[in-house]
N, C-alpha and C. Protein backbone atom coordinates (compact mmCIF):
# COMPACT_ATOMS: atom_id res chain seq x y z
N MET A 1 65.21 108.88 72.38
CA MET A 1 64.47 110.14 72.56
C MET A 1 65.23 111.29 71.90
N ARG A 2 66.55 111.32 72.11
CA ARG A 2 67.37 112.38 71.52
C ARG A 2 67.28 112.34 70.00
N LYS A 3 67.24 111.11 69.44
CA LYS A 3 67.16 110.96 68.00
C LYS A 3 65.83 111.47 67.47
N ILE A 4 64.74 111.18 68.21
CA ILE A 4 63.41 111.65 67.80
C ILE A 4 63.33 113.16 67.82
N LEU A 5 63.89 113.77 68.90
CA LEU A 5 63.88 115.22 69.01
C LEU A 5 64.68 115.86 67.86
N GLY A 6 65.77 115.18 67.48
CA GLY A 6 66.57 115.69 66.38
C GLY A 6 65.79 115.68 65.07
N LEU A 7 65.02 114.60 64.85
CA LEU A 7 64.21 114.52 63.64
C LEU A 7 63.14 115.59 63.62
N ILE A 8 62.52 115.83 64.79
CA ILE A 8 61.48 116.87 64.88
C ILE A 8 62.06 118.23 64.56
N ALA A 9 63.24 118.50 65.12
CA ALA A 9 63.88 119.80 64.89
C ALA A 9 64.23 119.98 63.41
N ALA A 10 64.71 118.91 62.79
CA ALA A 10 65.06 118.99 61.37
C ALA A 10 63.83 119.24 60.52
N SER A 11 62.72 118.57 60.86
CA SER A 11 61.48 118.76 60.11
C SER A 11 60.97 120.18 60.24
N ALA A 12 61.08 120.72 61.46
CA ALA A 12 60.62 122.08 61.69
C ALA A 12 61.45 123.07 60.89
N ALA A 13 62.74 122.82 60.78
CA ALA A 13 63.60 123.73 60.02
C ALA A 13 63.25 123.71 58.55
N VAL A 14 62.98 122.52 58.01
CA VAL A 14 62.58 122.40 56.61
C VAL A 14 61.28 123.14 56.37
N PHE A 15 60.33 123.00 57.28
CA PHE A 15 59.05 123.68 57.13
C PHE A 15 59.22 125.18 57.16
N ALA A 16 60.10 125.65 58.04
CA ALA A 16 60.28 127.09 58.22
C ALA A 16 60.81 127.77 56.98
N ILE A 17 61.69 127.10 56.23
CA ILE A 17 62.25 127.74 55.04
C ILE A 17 61.45 127.42 53.80
N GLY A 18 60.37 126.63 53.95
CA GLY A 18 59.46 126.42 52.86
C GLY A 18 59.95 125.46 51.80
N VAL A 19 60.90 124.62 52.07
CA VAL A 19 61.39 123.69 51.06
C VAL A 19 60.31 122.69 50.66
N ASN A 20 59.41 122.39 51.57
CA ASN A 20 58.37 121.42 51.26
C ASN A 20 57.24 122.04 50.46
N SER A 21 57.31 123.32 50.10
CA SER A 21 56.28 123.96 49.30
C SER A 21 56.66 123.89 47.83
N PRO A 22 55.81 123.29 46.96
CA PRO A 22 56.15 123.19 45.53
C PRO A 22 56.38 124.55 44.90
N ALA A 23 55.58 125.55 45.29
CA ALA A 23 55.72 126.88 44.69
C ALA A 23 57.07 127.47 45.02
N LYS A 24 57.46 127.39 46.30
CA LYS A 24 58.73 127.98 46.70
C LYS A 24 59.90 127.16 46.18
N ALA A 25 59.70 125.85 46.09
CA ALA A 25 60.78 125.03 45.58
C ALA A 25 61.11 125.42 44.15
N GLY A 26 60.06 125.83 43.40
CA GLY A 26 60.28 126.25 42.03
C GLY A 26 60.99 127.57 41.92
N LEU A 27 61.13 128.28 43.03
CA LEU A 27 61.76 129.59 43.00
C LEU A 27 63.21 129.54 43.43
N LEU A 28 63.69 128.37 43.84
CA LEU A 28 65.08 128.29 44.29
C LEU A 28 66.01 128.66 43.15
N GLY A 29 67.06 129.39 43.47
CA GLY A 29 67.98 129.83 42.44
C GLY A 29 67.59 131.16 41.82
N SER A 30 66.44 131.70 42.20
CA SER A 30 65.98 132.99 41.69
C SER A 30 66.39 134.08 42.67
N PRO A 31 66.17 135.36 42.33
CA PRO A 31 66.48 136.44 43.26
C PRO A 31 65.67 136.38 44.54
N LEU A 32 64.71 135.46 44.61
CA LEU A 32 63.87 135.38 45.80
C LEU A 32 64.56 134.65 46.93
N ALA A 33 65.70 134.05 46.66
CA ALA A 33 66.49 133.47 47.75
C ALA A 33 67.19 134.62 48.45
N LEU A 34 66.50 135.27 49.35
CA LEU A 34 66.95 136.56 49.88
C LEU A 34 68.12 136.45 50.85
N ARG A 35 68.33 135.27 51.40
CA ARG A 35 69.45 135.07 52.33
C ARG A 35 69.44 136.09 53.47
N GLY A 36 68.29 136.36 54.00
CA GLY A 36 68.22 137.33 55.09
C GLY A 36 66.80 137.78 55.28
N ALA A 37 66.60 138.72 56.17
CA ALA A 37 65.27 139.21 56.44
C ALA A 37 64.69 139.91 55.22
N VAL A 38 63.45 139.58 54.88
CA VAL A 38 62.77 140.22 53.77
C VAL A 38 62.41 141.64 54.17
N GLN A 39 62.71 142.59 53.30
CA GLN A 39 62.34 143.97 53.55
C GLN A 39 61.24 144.39 52.61
N PHE A 40 60.26 145.09 53.17
CA PHE A 40 59.18 145.64 52.37
C PHE A 40 59.32 147.16 52.34
N ILE A 41 58.90 147.74 51.24
CA ILE A 41 58.93 149.19 51.13
C ILE A 41 57.98 149.80 52.15
N LYS A 42 58.45 150.83 52.80
CA LYS A 42 57.62 151.57 53.75
C LYS A 42 57.33 152.95 53.17
N PHE A 43 56.05 153.22 52.99
CA PHE A 43 55.64 154.50 52.43
C PHE A 43 55.79 155.59 53.48
N ASP A 44 56.32 156.71 53.04
CA ASP A 44 56.57 157.81 53.97
C ASP A 44 55.48 158.87 53.85
N ARG A 45 55.79 159.97 53.23
CA ARG A 45 54.85 161.09 53.15
C ARG A 45 54.26 161.22 51.77
N PRO A 46 53.00 161.67 51.68
CA PRO A 46 52.44 161.96 50.36
C PRO A 46 53.28 163.00 49.64
N THR A 47 53.43 162.83 48.34
CA THR A 47 54.22 163.78 47.55
C THR A 47 53.58 163.92 46.18
N LEU A 48 53.98 164.91 45.43
CA LEU A 48 53.45 165.10 44.10
C LEU A 48 53.96 164.01 43.16
N PRO A 49 53.13 163.57 42.22
CA PRO A 49 53.61 162.60 41.23
C PRO A 49 54.51 163.30 40.21
N PRO A 50 55.25 162.53 39.42
CA PRO A 50 56.02 163.15 38.34
C PRO A 50 55.10 163.94 37.41
N MET A 51 55.58 165.02 36.86
CA MET A 51 54.74 165.89 36.04
C MET A 51 54.16 165.15 34.84
N THR A 52 54.97 164.32 34.20
CA THR A 52 54.50 163.61 33.00
C THR A 52 53.47 162.55 33.35
N PHE A 53 53.41 162.13 34.61
CA PHE A 53 52.40 161.15 35.01
C PHE A 53 51.00 161.70 34.81
N THR A 54 50.80 162.98 35.06
CA THR A 54 49.48 163.59 34.86
C THR A 54 49.09 163.53 33.39
N GLN A 55 50.03 163.79 32.51
CA GLN A 55 49.75 163.69 31.07
C GLN A 55 49.46 162.25 30.67
N PHE A 56 50.19 161.33 31.28
CA PHE A 56 49.96 159.91 31.02
C PHE A 56 48.53 159.52 31.39
N CYS A 57 48.05 159.98 32.54
CA CYS A 57 46.70 159.64 32.99
C CYS A 57 45.63 160.25 32.09
N LEU A 58 45.91 161.41 31.52
CA LEU A 58 44.95 162.01 30.59
C LEU A 58 44.85 161.19 29.31
N LYS A 59 45.97 160.62 28.90
CA LYS A 59 46.00 159.82 27.67
C LYS A 59 45.46 158.40 27.90
N TYR A 60 45.82 157.81 29.06
CA TYR A 60 45.42 156.44 29.38
C TYR A 60 44.60 156.46 30.68
N GLY A 61 43.38 156.90 30.59
CA GLY A 61 42.55 157.06 31.78
C GLY A 61 42.36 155.80 32.59
N ASP A 62 42.21 154.66 31.91
CA ASP A 62 41.97 153.40 32.62
C ASP A 62 43.16 152.98 33.48
N GLU A 63 44.35 153.42 33.12
CA GLU A 63 45.55 153.05 33.87
C GLU A 63 45.61 153.72 35.24
N CYS A 64 44.84 154.78 35.40
CA CYS A 64 44.93 155.57 36.63
C CYS A 64 43.66 155.52 37.46
N LYS A 65 42.73 154.65 37.10
CA LYS A 65 41.49 154.55 37.86
C LYS A 65 41.73 153.82 39.17
N PRO A 66 41.30 154.39 40.30
CA PRO A 66 41.38 153.64 41.56
C PRO A 66 40.50 152.40 41.47
N ARG A 67 41.00 151.29 41.95
CA ARG A 67 40.23 150.04 41.92
C ARG A 67 39.84 149.65 43.33
N ARG A 68 38.71 148.96 43.42
CA ARG A 68 38.19 148.57 44.72
C ARG A 68 39.15 147.60 45.40
N MET A 69 39.46 147.88 46.66
CA MET A 69 40.36 147.01 47.41
C MET A 69 39.62 145.75 47.84
N VAL A 70 40.25 144.61 47.68
CA VAL A 70 39.66 143.34 48.06
C VAL A 70 40.50 142.71 49.17
N PHE A 71 39.81 142.18 50.19
CA PHE A 71 40.50 141.52 51.30
C PHE A 71 41.57 142.44 51.91
N ARG A 72 41.20 143.67 52.13
CA ARG A 72 42.06 144.67 52.79
C ARG A 72 43.31 144.99 51.99
N GLY A 73 43.31 144.60 50.75
CA GLY A 73 44.42 145.01 49.88
C GLY A 73 45.77 144.41 50.22
N GLY A 74 45.79 143.13 50.53
CA GLY A 74 47.05 142.48 50.89
C GLY A 74 47.97 142.30 49.69
N ARG A 75 49.19 141.88 49.98
CA ARG A 75 50.18 141.62 48.94
C ARG A 75 49.82 140.35 48.17
N SER A 76 50.32 140.26 46.97
CA SER A 76 50.06 139.09 46.13
C SER A 76 50.95 137.93 46.58
N LYS A 77 50.37 136.75 46.65
CA LYS A 77 51.14 135.56 46.97
C LYS A 77 51.97 135.17 45.76
N LEU A 78 53.24 134.95 45.98
CA LEU A 78 54.15 134.64 44.87
C LEU A 78 54.24 133.14 44.67
N THR A 79 53.46 132.62 43.74
CA THR A 79 53.52 131.21 43.38
C THR A 79 54.52 131.03 42.24
N ALA A 80 54.79 129.79 41.91
CA ALA A 80 55.69 129.51 40.78
C ALA A 80 55.12 130.08 39.48
N GLU A 81 53.79 130.00 39.34
CA GLU A 81 53.16 130.52 38.13
C GLU A 81 53.29 132.04 38.06
N ARG A 82 53.09 132.71 39.20
CA ARG A 82 53.21 134.17 39.23
C ARG A 82 54.65 134.60 38.96
N TRP A 83 55.59 133.86 39.51
CA TRP A 83 57.00 134.18 39.27
C TRP A 83 57.32 134.06 37.79
N ALA A 84 56.77 133.02 37.13
CA ALA A 84 56.99 132.83 35.69
C ALA A 84 56.39 134.00 34.91
N GLU A 85 55.24 134.50 35.35
CA GLU A 85 54.62 135.65 34.68
C GLU A 85 55.50 136.89 34.78
N LEU A 86 56.04 137.13 35.97
CA LEU A 86 56.91 138.29 36.15
C LEU A 86 58.11 138.22 35.22
N LYS A 87 58.75 137.06 35.18
CA LYS A 87 59.93 136.91 34.33
C LYS A 87 59.57 137.07 32.85
N SER A 88 58.41 136.52 32.47
CA SER A 88 57.99 136.58 31.07
C SER A 88 57.70 138.02 30.64
N VAL A 89 56.94 138.75 31.46
CA VAL A 89 56.61 140.13 31.11
C VAL A 89 57.86 140.99 31.09
N ASN A 90 58.72 140.82 32.07
CA ASN A 90 59.95 141.62 32.11
C ASN A 90 60.80 141.38 30.86
N ARG A 91 60.94 140.11 30.51
CA ARG A 91 61.77 139.76 29.34
C ARG A 91 61.13 140.24 28.04
N GLU A 92 59.82 140.00 27.89
CA GLU A 92 59.15 140.33 26.63
C GLU A 92 59.10 141.82 26.37
N VAL A 93 58.82 142.60 27.41
CA VAL A 93 58.77 144.05 27.22
C VAL A 93 60.17 144.62 26.97
N ASN A 94 61.15 144.11 27.69
CA ASN A 94 62.53 144.58 27.47
C ASN A 94 62.98 144.30 26.04
N THR A 95 62.47 143.21 25.45
CA THR A 95 62.84 142.83 24.09
C THR A 95 62.02 143.58 23.05
N ALA A 96 60.73 143.81 23.34
CA ALA A 96 59.82 144.37 22.34
C ALA A 96 60.08 145.85 22.06
N ILE A 97 60.49 146.61 23.08
CA ILE A 97 60.71 148.05 22.91
C ILE A 97 62.19 148.31 22.64
N GLN A 98 62.45 148.99 21.56
CA GLN A 98 63.83 149.34 21.23
C GLN A 98 64.25 150.55 22.08
N PRO A 99 65.40 150.48 22.74
CA PRO A 99 65.81 151.60 23.60
C PRO A 99 66.07 152.87 22.78
N GLU A 100 65.55 153.97 23.29
CA GLU A 100 65.74 155.27 22.64
C GLU A 100 65.85 156.33 23.73
N ARG A 101 66.98 156.96 23.83
CA ARG A 101 67.19 157.97 24.87
C ARG A 101 66.39 159.23 24.57
N ASN A 102 65.87 159.81 25.63
CA ASN A 102 65.19 161.09 25.51
C ASN A 102 66.23 162.20 25.67
N LEU A 103 66.52 162.87 24.59
CA LEU A 103 67.56 163.90 24.59
C LEU A 103 66.98 165.29 24.81
N GLU A 104 65.67 165.38 24.97
CA GLU A 104 65.02 166.69 25.10
C GLU A 104 64.65 167.01 26.54
N GLY A 105 65.02 166.15 27.48
CA GLY A 105 64.69 166.41 28.87
C GLY A 105 63.20 166.29 29.14
N LEU A 106 62.70 167.07 30.09
CA LEU A 106 61.30 167.01 30.50
C LEU A 106 60.36 167.29 29.33
N ALA A 107 60.76 168.19 28.44
CA ALA A 107 59.90 168.54 27.30
C ALA A 107 59.69 167.36 26.36
N GLY A 108 60.61 166.41 26.37
CA GLY A 108 60.50 165.28 25.46
C GLY A 108 59.93 164.02 26.09
N GLU A 109 59.52 164.11 27.34
CA GLU A 109 59.00 162.92 28.03
C GLU A 109 57.58 162.61 27.58
N LYS A 110 57.38 161.36 27.15
CA LYS A 110 56.04 160.87 26.80
C LYS A 110 55.96 159.42 27.27
N TRP A 111 55.12 159.17 28.25
CA TRP A 111 54.97 157.82 28.77
C TRP A 111 53.98 157.09 27.87
N LEU A 112 54.48 156.14 27.10
CA LEU A 112 53.65 155.43 26.13
C LEU A 112 53.61 153.94 26.42
N ILE A 113 52.44 153.34 26.22
CA ILE A 113 52.28 151.89 26.38
C ILE A 113 52.52 151.23 25.03
N ARG A 114 53.42 150.26 25.01
CA ARG A 114 53.76 149.46 23.83
C ARG A 114 54.26 150.29 22.64
N PRO A 115 55.15 151.24 22.85
CA PRO A 115 55.71 151.93 21.68
C PRO A 115 56.74 151.04 21.00
N VAL A 116 57.08 151.38 19.77
CA VAL A 116 58.11 150.63 19.06
C VAL A 116 59.46 150.89 19.72
N SER A 117 59.70 152.14 20.09
CA SER A 117 60.94 152.50 20.78
C SER A 117 60.62 153.49 21.88
N GLY A 118 61.47 153.51 22.90
CA GLY A 118 61.20 154.41 24.01
C GLY A 118 62.26 154.31 25.09
N ASP A 119 62.02 155.06 26.18
CA ASP A 119 62.96 155.06 27.29
C ASP A 119 62.37 154.32 28.49
N CYS A 120 62.99 154.49 29.66
CA CYS A 120 62.60 153.72 30.83
C CYS A 120 61.15 153.90 31.20
N ASN A 121 60.60 155.09 30.98
CA ASN A 121 59.21 155.35 31.33
C ASN A 121 58.27 154.44 30.54
N ASP A 122 58.56 154.27 29.25
CA ASP A 122 57.72 153.44 28.39
C ASP A 122 57.80 151.96 28.77
N TYR A 123 59.00 151.52 29.12
CA TYR A 123 59.15 150.14 29.58
C TYR A 123 58.32 149.92 30.84
N ALA A 124 58.40 150.86 31.78
CA ALA A 124 57.74 150.68 33.07
C ALA A 124 56.22 150.68 32.94
N VAL A 125 55.66 151.66 32.23
CA VAL A 125 54.20 151.70 32.13
C VAL A 125 53.66 150.53 31.32
N THR A 126 54.44 150.05 30.36
CA THR A 126 54.01 148.88 29.58
C THR A 126 54.01 147.62 30.45
N LYS A 127 55.04 147.44 31.27
CA LYS A 127 55.08 146.26 32.16
C LYS A 127 53.93 146.29 33.15
N ARG A 128 53.67 147.46 33.71
CA ARG A 128 52.55 147.56 34.65
C ARG A 128 51.24 147.21 33.95
N HIS A 129 51.04 147.75 32.75
CA HIS A 129 49.83 147.46 31.98
C HIS A 129 49.68 145.97 31.72
N GLU A 130 50.75 145.32 31.31
CA GLU A 130 50.70 143.89 30.97
C GLU A 130 50.41 143.03 32.19
N LEU A 131 51.02 143.36 33.33
CA LEU A 131 50.80 142.57 34.54
C LEU A 131 49.36 142.71 35.04
N ILE A 132 48.81 143.92 35.00
CA ILE A 132 47.42 144.10 35.42
C ILE A 132 46.48 143.36 34.47
N ALA A 133 46.80 143.37 33.18
CA ALA A 133 45.99 142.63 32.21
C ALA A 133 46.01 141.12 32.48
N LYS A 134 47.08 140.63 33.09
CA LYS A 134 47.19 139.21 33.43
C LYS A 134 46.56 138.89 34.79
N GLY A 135 45.96 139.87 35.43
CA GLY A 135 45.26 139.61 36.67
C GLY A 135 45.95 140.05 37.94
N TRP A 136 47.12 140.66 37.81
CA TRP A 136 47.78 141.16 39.02
C TRP A 136 47.01 142.38 39.53
N PRO A 137 46.74 142.45 40.83
CA PRO A 137 46.02 143.61 41.36
C PRO A 137 46.83 144.90 41.16
N ALA A 138 46.16 145.94 40.73
CA ALA A 138 46.85 147.21 40.50
C ALA A 138 47.52 147.73 41.76
N ARG A 139 46.96 147.40 42.93
CA ARG A 139 47.54 147.88 44.19
C ARG A 139 48.93 147.31 44.44
N ASN A 140 49.25 146.22 43.73
CA ASN A 140 50.55 145.56 43.95
C ASN A 140 51.51 145.72 42.78
N VAL A 141 51.15 146.55 41.82
CA VAL A 141 52.03 146.80 40.67
C VAL A 141 52.18 148.32 40.56
N LEU A 142 53.26 148.84 41.10
CA LEU A 142 53.39 150.28 41.29
C LEU A 142 54.59 150.86 40.53
N LEU A 143 54.38 152.01 39.93
CA LEU A 143 55.47 152.74 39.31
C LEU A 143 56.27 153.43 40.39
N SER A 144 57.57 153.49 40.21
CA SER A 144 58.41 154.15 41.20
C SER A 144 59.56 154.88 40.51
N GLU A 145 59.81 156.09 40.98
CA GLU A 145 60.92 156.89 40.44
C GLU A 145 62.15 156.72 41.32
N VAL A 146 63.28 156.45 40.68
CA VAL A 146 64.54 156.29 41.40
C VAL A 146 65.60 157.15 40.74
N VAL A 147 66.76 157.23 41.38
CA VAL A 147 67.91 157.93 40.80
C VAL A 147 69.05 156.93 40.71
N THR A 148 69.67 156.85 39.54
CA THR A 148 70.76 155.90 39.33
C THR A 148 72.07 156.46 39.88
N ASP A 149 73.10 155.63 39.86
CA ASP A 149 74.42 156.06 40.33
C ASP A 149 74.96 157.25 39.55
N SER A 150 74.54 157.37 38.29
CA SER A 150 75.02 158.47 37.45
C SER A 150 74.21 159.74 37.64
N GLY A 151 73.18 159.69 38.51
CA GLY A 151 72.36 160.86 38.78
C GLY A 151 71.15 161.01 37.89
N GLU A 152 70.89 160.01 37.04
CA GLU A 152 69.73 160.07 36.16
C GLU A 152 68.48 159.63 36.89
N HIS A 153 67.37 160.32 36.62
CA HIS A 153 66.08 159.86 37.13
C HIS A 153 65.57 158.74 36.24
N HIS A 154 64.99 157.73 36.86
CA HIS A 154 64.71 156.47 36.17
C HIS A 154 63.41 155.91 36.73
N LEU A 155 62.59 155.30 35.86
CA LEU A 155 61.31 154.74 36.29
C LEU A 155 61.35 153.22 36.23
N VAL A 156 60.88 152.57 37.29
CA VAL A 156 60.83 151.11 37.37
C VAL A 156 59.45 150.69 37.86
N VAL A 157 59.21 149.39 37.85
CA VAL A 157 57.97 148.83 38.38
C VAL A 157 58.30 148.04 39.64
N VAL A 158 57.55 148.29 40.70
CA VAL A 158 57.69 147.53 41.95
C VAL A 158 56.47 146.63 42.10
N VAL A 159 56.72 145.35 42.28
CA VAL A 159 55.63 144.39 42.48
C VAL A 159 55.65 143.94 43.94
N ARG A 160 54.56 144.18 44.64
CA ARG A 160 54.46 143.88 46.06
C ARG A 160 53.97 142.45 46.24
N THR A 161 54.82 141.59 46.79
CA THR A 161 54.45 140.19 47.01
C THR A 161 54.74 139.81 48.46
N THR A 162 54.21 138.67 48.85
CA THR A 162 54.47 138.16 50.19
C THR A 162 55.92 137.74 50.36
N ALA A 163 56.63 137.56 49.24
CA ALA A 163 58.04 137.18 49.30
C ALA A 163 58.96 138.39 49.29
N GLY A 164 58.39 139.59 49.23
CA GLY A 164 59.18 140.81 49.20
C GLY A 164 58.75 141.71 48.06
N ASP A 165 59.28 142.91 48.04
CA ASP A 165 58.99 143.86 46.98
C ASP A 165 60.04 143.69 45.88
N LEU A 166 59.57 143.38 44.68
CA LEU A 166 60.45 143.01 43.57
C LEU A 166 60.43 144.09 42.50
N VAL A 167 61.58 144.29 41.86
CA VAL A 167 61.74 145.38 40.90
C VAL A 167 61.92 144.84 39.49
N LEU A 168 61.07 145.31 38.56
CA LEU A 168 61.21 145.02 37.14
C LEU A 168 61.80 146.27 36.49
N ASP A 169 62.88 146.08 35.75
CA ASP A 169 63.70 147.21 35.32
C ASP A 169 64.23 146.95 33.92
N ASN A 170 64.15 147.93 33.04
CA ASN A 170 64.67 147.72 31.69
C ASN A 170 66.19 147.72 31.64
N LEU A 171 66.85 148.13 32.73
CA LEU A 171 68.31 148.09 32.78
C LEU A 171 68.84 146.75 33.26
N SER A 172 67.92 145.83 33.58
CA SER A 172 68.33 144.52 34.08
C SER A 172 67.45 143.44 33.48
N GLY A 173 68.08 142.34 33.11
CA GLY A 173 67.33 141.22 32.57
C GLY A 173 66.67 140.39 33.65
N GLY A 174 67.10 140.58 34.90
CA GLY A 174 66.55 139.82 36.01
C GLY A 174 65.56 140.65 36.81
N ILE A 175 65.02 140.02 37.84
CA ILE A 175 64.10 140.68 38.76
C ILE A 175 64.79 140.76 40.11
N THR A 176 64.87 141.96 40.66
CA THR A 176 65.70 142.19 41.83
C THR A 176 64.88 142.57 43.05
N PRO A 177 65.14 141.97 44.21
CA PRO A 177 64.49 142.43 45.45
C PRO A 177 64.79 143.90 45.68
N TRP A 178 63.82 144.63 46.13
CA TRP A 178 63.93 146.08 46.30
C TRP A 178 65.17 146.50 47.07
N GLN A 179 65.46 145.78 48.16
CA GLN A 179 66.57 146.21 49.01
C GLN A 179 67.93 145.97 48.38
N ARG A 180 67.97 145.25 47.26
CA ARG A 180 69.26 144.96 46.62
C ARG A 180 69.53 145.81 45.39
N THR A 181 68.64 146.72 45.08
CA THR A 181 68.88 147.59 43.92
C THR A 181 69.90 148.68 44.28
N PRO A 182 70.62 149.19 43.30
CA PRO A 182 71.66 150.20 43.57
C PRO A 182 71.13 151.63 43.56
N TYR A 183 69.81 151.79 43.57
CA TYR A 183 69.24 153.11 43.34
C TYR A 183 68.95 153.89 44.63
N GLN A 184 68.81 155.19 44.43
CA GLN A 184 68.25 156.05 45.47
C GLN A 184 66.76 156.20 45.15
N TRP A 185 65.92 155.87 46.11
CA TRP A 185 64.48 155.83 45.85
C TRP A 185 63.86 157.19 46.15
N VAL A 186 63.05 157.68 45.21
CA VAL A 186 62.49 159.02 45.31
C VAL A 186 61.03 159.00 45.71
N ARG A 187 60.19 158.35 44.90
CA ARG A 187 58.75 158.30 45.18
C ARG A 187 58.12 157.12 44.47
N ILE A 188 56.91 156.77 44.92
CA ILE A 188 56.24 155.57 44.43
C ILE A 188 54.74 155.77 44.50
N GLN A 189 54.02 155.11 43.59
CA GLN A 189 52.56 155.15 43.65
C GLN A 189 52.08 154.52 44.96
N MET A 190 50.94 154.99 45.44
CA MET A 190 50.36 154.41 46.65
C MET A 190 49.37 153.31 46.26
N PRO A 191 49.35 152.21 47.00
CA PRO A 191 48.49 151.07 46.62
C PRO A 191 47.01 151.40 46.56
N LYS A 192 46.50 152.24 47.45
CA LYS A 192 45.06 152.50 47.50
C LYS A 192 44.56 153.32 46.32
N ASN A 193 45.42 154.13 45.77
CA ASN A 193 45.01 154.99 44.65
C ASN A 193 46.25 155.32 43.83
N PRO A 194 46.32 154.87 42.58
CA PRO A 194 47.53 155.07 41.77
C PRO A 194 47.80 156.52 41.42
N ASN A 195 46.81 157.40 41.65
CA ASN A 195 47.02 158.81 41.36
C ASN A 195 47.81 159.51 42.46
N TYR A 196 47.88 158.88 43.64
CA TYR A 196 48.62 159.44 44.76
C TYR A 196 49.99 158.79 44.86
N TRP A 197 50.99 159.58 45.13
CA TRP A 197 52.36 159.10 45.27
C TRP A 197 52.89 159.43 46.65
N ALA A 198 53.91 158.71 47.07
CA ALA A 198 54.51 158.93 48.38
C ALA A 198 56.02 158.80 48.28
N SER A 199 56.71 159.48 49.18
CA SER A 199 58.15 159.25 49.31
C SER A 199 58.35 157.94 50.06
N LEU A 200 59.59 157.45 50.11
CA LEU A 200 59.87 156.18 50.75
C LEU A 200 60.78 156.38 51.93
N GLU A 201 60.55 155.59 52.96
CA GLU A 201 61.46 155.62 54.11
C GLU A 201 62.80 155.01 53.67
N PRO A 202 63.91 155.48 54.21
CA PRO A 202 65.22 154.93 53.83
C PRO A 202 65.31 153.44 54.10
N ARG A 203 66.07 152.76 53.25
CA ARG A 203 66.29 151.33 53.45
C ARG A 203 67.23 151.11 54.61
N ASN A 204 67.11 149.95 55.22
CA ASN A 204 68.06 149.58 56.27
C ASN A 204 69.42 149.35 55.65
N ALA A 205 70.46 149.72 56.37
CA ALA A 205 71.82 149.52 55.85
C ALA A 205 72.16 148.05 55.85
């Protein structure tokens, strides 16, 4: 009887961590092995979007159209195929755009999709565009403004999945869980309407 109970307990443990799932098994060794409680971004208060975002929406109207929420707007399930798409888009966009620093400050900011060269803003809006074109719901692919250790404002893409909120970043070749990034988080698009932005609640220590 003790042996049977031991086998049941072992089976339950395997099921709980998802090892018997082909999709999750394909993700082992990736940043999705969170080794702890998964943290999701918590939206705080509505706030103004970045100034250049308004100009971006005037130029690329389709990128800022609110889309109808389906099934209450849940997070995207992260399958092995979806994980491969994230890695592919992150890698391809990071390679396709030649880095070019904006030396003119706010006056020189232009958020462009698929430019030959550009800064973090161009990488971020291009990745968001490519993921939505591949079928990712716009509510789960959000632009977010952060501040780096050096004090620079920086734009990244946050992908909301059932496995956690993941960050696509031109400063990193990998994909990082939100709670493991070294940034100070400023504001993020809201899932229901990309024209609205919100501040973020502080991360747990």
